[in-house]
Amino acid sequence: MLDGRTGLGFLFANANRPHFRVWATGAPYATKGLLKARGYEWRDVPGSEDKAWRIETIDPDGECDFLGAEVFTRGGTVLVEEVRSVQRFTPRHEIIKTVHV
């Protein structure tokens, strides 16, 4: 039991919770270790032939703040993608905003 709930109850409670993918496009190579340590993965960027570092989170603003302070110290571009429960395991992607940090 998790927090007084069963495992299935926990899954149902979180299934419709908004999740986001934050893409650190063009991150400097020197920050590779920092991004990996935080849980970022090297993936294909949706709608592009490029690759970038990506993390799934429920706090995209916090990730943008982290990227602006630790990774893109001279400025950069971050893509934020909302991932709905029906899209989570499909190749469909929808970038909802581009953030310049």
Protein backbone atom coordinates (compact mmCIF):
# COMPACT_ATOMS: atom_id res chain seq x y z
CA MET A 1 0.00 0.00 0.00
CA LEU A 2 1.20 3.46 -0.88
CA ASP A 3 0.04 6.32 1.33
CA GLY A 4 -2.89 4.20 2.50
CA ARG A 5 -3.87 3.34 -1.09
CA THR A 6 -3.46 0.14 -3.02
CA GLY A 7 -1.12 0.05 -5.98
CA LEU A 8 -4.06 0.10 -8.38
CA GLY A 9 -5.58 3.07 -6.57
CA PHE A 10 -2.28 4.92 -6.88
CA LEU A 11 -2.18 4.20 -10.64
CA PHE A 12 -5.73 5.44 -11.17
CA ALA A 13 -5.10 8.60 -9.16
CA ASN A 14 -2.03 9.47 -11.24
CA ALA A 15 -3.25 8.33 -14.67
CA ASN A 16 -4.93 11.63 -15.52
CA ARG A 17 -2.40 13.85 -13.79
CA PRO A 18 -0.64 16.11 -16.30
CA HIS A 19 2.84 14.96 -17.30
CA PHE A 20 5.31 16.88 -19.40
CA ARG A 21 8.43 16.17 -21.41
CA VAL A 22 11.03 18.89 -21.24
CA TRP A 23 13.57 18.93 -24.09
CA ALA A 24 16.94 20.63 -23.59
CA THR A 25 17.67 21.30 -27.27
CA GLY A 26 21.21 22.35 -28.05
CA ALA A 27 22.53 21.73 -24.54
CA PRO A 28 26.30 22.18 -24.30
CA TYR A 29 28.25 18.91 -24.43
CA ALA A 30 29.98 19.81 -21.16
CA THR A 31 26.64 19.48 -19.32
CA LYS A 32 26.10 15.86 -20.41
CA GLY A 33 27.02 14.41 -16.99
CA LEU A 34 24.83 16.90 -15.14
CA LEU A 35 21.83 16.10 -17.33
CA LYS A 36 22.33 12.33 -17.02
CA ALA A 37 22.64 12.60 -13.23
CA ARG A 38 19.33 14.47 -13.10
CA GLY A 39 17.57 11.74 -15.13
CA TYR A 40 17.61 13.17 -18.66
CA GLU A 41 17.73 10.78 -21.62
CA TRP A 42 19.21 11.35 -25.10
CA ARG A 43 16.26 11.02 -27.54
CA ASP A 44 14.95 12.00 -30.98
CA VAL A 45 13.23 15.40 -30.97
CA PRO A 46 9.62 15.19 -32.20
CA GLY A 47 9.12 16.61 -35.68
CA SER A 48 12.87 16.91 -36.26
CA GLU A 49 15.84 14.83 -37.30
CA ASP A 50 17.79 16.17 -34.31
CA LYS A 51 18.41 14.60 -30.90
CA ALA A 52 18.25 16.30 -27.51
CA TRP A 53 18.18 15.62 -23.80
CA ARG A 54 14.68 14.89 -22.44
CA ILE A 55 13.09 14.30 -19.06
CA GLU A 56 9.50 13.51 -18.03
CA THR A 57 8.19 15.57 -15.13
CA ILE A 58 5.11 16.98 -13.46
CA ASP A 59 6.95 20.29 -12.86
CA PRO A 60 8.04 21.75 -16.23
CA ASP A 61 8.61 25.21 -14.78
CA GLY A 62 11.06 23.80 -12.24
CA GLU A 63 12.96 22.00 -15.00
CA CYS A 64 13.09 25.18 -17.09
CA ASP A 65 14.47 27.04 -14.07
CA PHE A 66 17.11 24.32 -13.55
CA LEU A 67 18.10 24.37 -17.22
CA GLY A 68 18.36 28.15 -17.27
CA ALA A 69 20.52 28.22 -14.13
CA GLU A 70 22.72 25.14 -14.63
CA VAL A 71 22.79 24.17 -18.33
CA PHE A 72 22.04 27.18 -20.52
CA THR A 73 24.00 29.78 -18.58
CA ARG A 74 24.33 31.87 -21.78
CA GLY A 75 20.76 31.28 -22.92
CA GLY A 76 19.12 28.46 -24.82
CA THR A 77 15.87 26.94 -26.02
CA VAL A 78 13.73 24.44 -24.14
CA LEU A 79 10.71 22.66 -25.61
CA VAL A 80 7.85 21.62 -23.33
CA GLU A 81 5.50 18.86 -24.43
CA GLU A 82 2.33 17.83 -22.60
CA VAL A 83 1.88 14.07 -22.43
CA ARG A 84 -1.69 12.92 -21.88
CA SER A 85 -2.42 9.42 -20.61
CA VAL A 86 -3.62 8.27 -24.04
CA GLN A 87 -0.41 9.54 -25.71
CA ARG A 88 2.11 8.31 -23.18
CA PHE A 89 3.24 5.21 -25.07
CA THR A 90 2.58 6.34 -28.65
CA PRO A 91 4.83 8.20 -31.07
CA ARG A 92 2.42 11.18 -31.19
CA HIS A 93 3.96 14.40 -29.91
CA GLU A 94 2.62 17.89 -29.38
CA ILE A 95 4.98 20.68 -28.29
CA ILE A 96 2.90 23.11 -26.26
CA LYS A 97 5.47 25.84 -25.74
CA THR A 98 9.02 26.91 -26.44
CA VAL A 99 10.85 28.55 -23.55
CA HIS A 100 13.96 30.69 -23.99
CA VAL A 101 16.01 30.35 -20.82
